[in-house]
Protein backbone atom coordinates (compact mmCIF):
# COMPACT_ATOMS: atom_id res chain seq x y z
CA MET A 1 6.44 -18.39 -4.24
CA LYS A 2 6.23 -14.77 -3.74
CA LYS A 3 4.52 -14.03 -6.89
CA GLN A 4 1.74 -16.64 -6.08
CA PHE A 5 1.09 -14.94 -2.81
CA LEU A 6 0.86 -11.74 -4.64
CA LEU A 7 -1.58 -13.00 -7.07
CA LEU A 8 -3.74 -14.54 -4.35
CA ALA A 9 -3.81 -11.33 -2.49
CA LEU A 10 -5.19 -9.55 -5.35
CA MET A 11 -7.68 -12.05 -6.21
CA ILE A 12 -9.28 -12.12 -2.91
CA PRO A 13 -11.20 -8.80 -3.40
CA PHE A 14 -8.52 -7.59 -0.54
CA VAL A 15 -9.98 -11.55 12.15
CA LEU A 16 -13.41 -10.95 13.05
CA PHE A 17 -13.16 -8.57 16.02
CA ALA A 18 -15.29 -9.51 19.10
CA GLN A 19 -14.67 -5.89 20.24
CA VAL A 20 -14.33 -2.46 18.64
CA PRO A 21 -10.75 -2.32 17.15
CA LYS A 22 -8.23 -0.36 19.16
CA GLY A 23 -8.31 3.36 18.46
CA PHE A 24 -11.71 3.33 16.98
CA THR A 25 -15.56 3.66 17.98
CA SER A 26 -18.46 2.42 16.29
CA VAL A 27 -20.24 4.73 13.64
CA LYS A 28 -23.42 5.73 15.15
CA ASP A 29 -25.30 6.83 11.99
CA THR A 30 -24.19 4.13 9.19
CA LEU A 31 -26.67 5.29 6.83
CA ALA A 32 -25.32 8.98 6.51
CA PHE A 33 -21.90 7.39 6.13
CA LYS A 34 -22.95 4.96 3.33
CA GLN A 35 -24.65 7.68 1.45
CA LYS A 36 -21.90 10.11 1.78
CA MET A 37 -19.30 7.36 0.69
CA GLU A 38 -21.43 6.36 -2.43
CA THR A 39 -21.74 10.08 -3.32
CA GLN A 40 -18.13 10.63 -3.23
CA SER A 41 -17.20 7.43 -5.14
CA LYS A 42 -19.28 8.73 -8.02
CA LEU A 43 -17.24 11.59 -8.22
CA VAL A 44 -14.03 9.84 -8.85
CA ASN A 45 -13.35 9.09 -12.42
CA SER A 46 -9.54 7.93 -12.10
CA ILE A 47 -6.93 7.14 -9.51
CA GLU A 48 -3.32 7.16 -9.67
CA SER A 49 -1.26 6.05 -6.60
CA ASP A 50 1.98 4.65 -5.28
CA PHE A 51 1.30 1.70 -2.88
CA THR A 52 3.45 -0.39 -0.63
CA GLN A 53 2.10 -4.02 -0.19
CA GLU A 54 2.97 -6.09 2.80
CA LYS A 55 2.29 -9.80 3.16
CA TYR A 56 2.61 -11.60 6.46
CA LEU A 57 2.81 -15.27 6.61
CA SER A 58 3.13 -17.17 9.75
CA VAL A 59 5.58 -19.56 8.20
CA MET A 60 8.15 -16.96 7.36
CA SER A 61 10.49 -14.95 9.69
CA GLU A 62 10.12 -11.79 7.84
CA ASN A 63 7.15 -10.08 6.02
CA ILE A 64 7.32 -9.65 2.21
CA VAL A 65 7.25 -6.09 1.25
CA SER A 66 6.53 -4.96 -2.34
CA LYS A 67 6.17 -1.38 -3.84
CA GLY A 68 4.74 -0.29 -7.08
CA HIS A 69 2.28 2.10 -8.87
CA PHE A 70 -1.58 1.79 -9.23
CA TYR A 71 -3.97 3.24 -11.97
CA PHE A 72 -7.69 3.10 -11.95
CA LYS A 73 -9.94 4.60 -14.61
CA LYS A 74 -13.85 4.19 -15.16
CA VAL A 75 -15.18 2.16 -16.42
CA ASN A 76 -13.56 -1.05 -15.39
CA MET A 77 -9.94 -0.38 -15.80
CA LEU A 78 -7.16 -1.27 -13.40
CA ARG A 79 -3.44 -1.58 -13.49
CA TRP A 80 -1.29 -2.76 -10.54
CA GLU A 81 2.33 -2.55 -11.52
CA TYR A 82 4.93 -4.04 -9.02
CA ASN A 83 8.45 -2.37 -9.51
CA ASN A 84 10.24 -3.62 -6.19
CA PRO A 85 11.70 -6.03 -5.41
CA TYR A 86 10.63 -7.66 -8.70
CA LYS A 87 8.80 -6.41 -11.68
CA TYR A 88 5.13 -7.85 -12.06
CA LEU A 89 2.13 -6.67 -13.53
CA ILE A 90 -1.82 -7.19 -13.29
CA ALA A 91 -4.09 -5.24 -15.53
CA ILE A 92 -7.85 -5.31 -16.12
CA ASN A 93 -9.20 -3.53 -19.08
CA LYS A 94 -13.05 -3.89 -19.22
CA ASP A 95 -13.46 -7.61 -20.19
CA LYS A 96 -9.84 -8.46 -20.63
CA MET A 97 -7.28 -9.36 -17.69
CA TYR A 98 -3.43 -9.18 -18.43
CA ILE A 99 -0.69 -10.61 -16.32
CA LYS A 100 2.96 -9.89 -17.31
CA ASP A 101 5.55 -11.94 -15.77
CA ASN A 102 9.21 -12.19 -16.77
CA GLY A 103 8.27 -10.50 -19.98
CA LYS A 104 5.53 -12.97 -20.99
CA VAL A 105 2.04 -11.64 -21.20
CA SER A 106 -1.04 -13.93 -20.45
CA LYS A 107 -4.44 -12.43 -21.65
CA TYR A 108 -7.70 -13.79 -20.28
CA ASP A 109 -11.33 -13.13 -21.12
CA ILE A 110 -13.04 -12.21 -17.75
CA ASN A 111 -16.70 -12.93 -19.02
CA SER A 112 -15.88 -16.50 -19.79
CA ASN A 113 -14.61 -17.10 -16.54
CA LYS A 114 -16.73 -16.93 -13.22
CA MET A 115 -13.75 -16.66 -11.15
CA PHE A 116 -12.20 -13.84 -13.03
CA LYS A 117 -15.17 -11.78 -13.24
CA SER A 118 -15.60 -12.14 -9.54
CA ILE A 119 -12.19 -11.04 -8.97
CA ASN A 120 -12.82 -7.99 -11.30
CA GLU A 121 -15.72 -6.98 -9.46
CA MET A 122 -14.21 -7.12 -6.03
CA MET A 123 -10.94 -5.32 -7.01
CA VAL A 124 -12.91 -2.48 -8.80
CA ASN A 125 -15.43 -2.09 -5.94
CA THR A 126 -12.70 -2.32 -3.18
CA VAL A 127 -10.82 0.54 -4.85
CA GLN A 128 -13.71 2.75 -5.05
CA GLY A 129 -15.33 1.89 -1.67
CA ASN A 130 -18.39 0.51 -3.36
CA LEU A 131 -18.62 -2.70 -1.23
CA LEU A 132 -21.14 -1.23 1.20
CA ASN A 133 -24.31 -2.74 -0.39
CA ASN A 134 -22.74 -6.01 -1.38
CA LYS A 135 -25.03 -9.04 -0.03
CA ASP A 136 -22.22 -11.17 0.20
CA TYR A 137 -20.41 -9.54 2.88
CA LYS A 138 -21.56 -8.55 6.46
CA ALA A 139 -20.44 -4.93 7.18
CA LYS A 140 -19.14 -3.24 10.44
CA TYR A 141 -18.50 0.49 10.63
CA TYR A 142 -15.99 2.03 12.82
CA GLU A 143 -14.18 5.71 13.09
CA ASN A 144 -11.76 7.96 14.86
CA ASP A 145 -10.80 11.33 14.37
CA LYS A 146 -9.07 10.80 10.95
CA GLN A 147 -10.58 7.76 9.39
CA TYR A 148 -13.41 5.42 8.94
CA LEU A 149 -12.67 1.74 9.27
CA LEU A 150 -14.99 -0.69 7.23
CA GLU A 151 -14.94 -4.21 8.02
CA LEU A 152 -16.53 -6.79 5.57
CA SER A 153 -16.95 -10.52 6.41
CA PRO A 154 -17.71 -12.56 3.54
CA LEU A 155 -20.96 -14.76 4.02
CA GLN A 156 -20.47 -17.13 1.07
CA LYS A 157 -18.71 -20.46 1.95
CA GLY A 158 -16.40 -20.47 -0.95
CA ALA A 159 -15.11 -16.93 0.21
CA LYS A 160 -15.07 -17.89 3.74
CA ASP A 161 -12.63 -20.77 3.15
CA PHE A 162 -9.73 -18.24 2.19
CA LEU A 163 -10.84 -14.88 3.60
CA LYS A 164 -12.01 -14.09 7.09
CA VAL A 165 -12.46 -10.33 6.73
CA ILE A 166 -11.37 -7.34 4.50
CA GLN A 167 -10.72 -4.02 6.17
CA LEU A 168 -10.88 -0.77 4.30
CA TYR A 169 -9.39 2.37 5.68
CA ILE A 170 -10.98 5.43 4.41
CA ASP A 171 -9.92 8.92 4.72
CA LYS A 172 -12.31 11.32 6.42
CA SER A 173 -11.23 14.27 4.37
CA ASP A 174 -12.29 13.00 1.06
CA TYR A 175 -13.63 9.50 1.73
CA SER A 176 -10.82 7.68 -0.34
CA VAL A 177 -9.59 4.33 0.49
CA ILE A 178 -6.08 4.71 1.79
CA LYS A 179 -5.48 1.17 2.94
CA VAL A 180 -6.85 -2.17 2.27
CA LYS A 181 -6.14 -5.10 4.49
CA MET A 182 -7.09 -8.66 3.69
CA ILE A 183 -7.05 -11.35 6.43
CA GLU A 184 -7.21 -15.05 5.78
CA PRO A 185 -8.61 -17.72 7.98
CA SER A 186 -5.05 -18.57 9.30
CA ASP A 187 -4.56 -14.91 10.42
CA ASP A 188 -2.06 -14.50 7.62
CA TYR A 189 -2.73 -11.25 5.86
CA THR A 190 -1.98 -8.77 3.04
CA SER A 191 -1.80 -5.18 3.64
CA ILE A 192 -1.96 -2.41 0.77
CA ASP A 193 -1.17 1.15 1.55
CA PHE A 194 -2.07 3.79 -1.06
CA ILE A 195 0.40 6.72 -1.12
CA ASN A 196 0.50 10.02 -2.99
CA ARG A 197 -3.02 9.39 -4.41
CA LYS A 198 -4.32 11.68 -7.06
CA ASN A 199 -7.81 11.51 -8.17
CA ASN A 200 -9.23 12.52 -11.46
CA GLN A 201 -5.96 13.10 -13.34
CA PRO A 202 -5.91 12.36 -17.16
CA ILE A 203 -4.90 8.53 -17.69
CA SER A 204 -4.67 7.32 -21.29
CA ASP A 205 -6.51 4.12 -22.21
CA GLU A 206 -3.00 2.82 -23.54
CA THR A 207 -2.18 2.42 -19.77
CA PHE A 208 -4.39 -0.72 -19.56
CA ILE A 209 -3.28 -2.17 -22.66
CA ILE A 210 -0.31 -4.78 -22.09
CA LYS A 211 2.02 -5.81 -24.71
């Protein structure tokens, strides 16, 4: 059951507020923010980071907390490696997706499956913060002294059936995505915090090949 929730969380590329979120104010110059975000994203060729994921489900008394390590490398390479409380691995290597569970590896061709292709684009763009010009989402921009908060609400019916909003928390110092929160129509959510992030460190292509 936990693994099903985990996979769903990653596949959703990741509460609509009637008011400005607490602790934030609306960004006045959204065009300047978007331009800066896009410029900074282009400078990032690789990302390595620890992460903590928290899954809230209204039907459960306690949140599901998982920890692991994350890798990203241009072009189109991702690796989510869960180490605690169980081992589970999802990797994308260009046009291939790998899932490793209990030592068994499943391999999929992303281009032959519209759903996998959409998942891939969402995951890559979310990590890099490149969802600003995606016409499938309506964006709202907020900020405080240290962070930007970008809220993306899906416009397509298919996405709206299982996703209410994606929240991206962005560090003002370097425009890196430090937290992703995905909220479902039921108000259940998955929150992922990136910790000890390192940009542009060498990462071998072998990291994204799962055997």
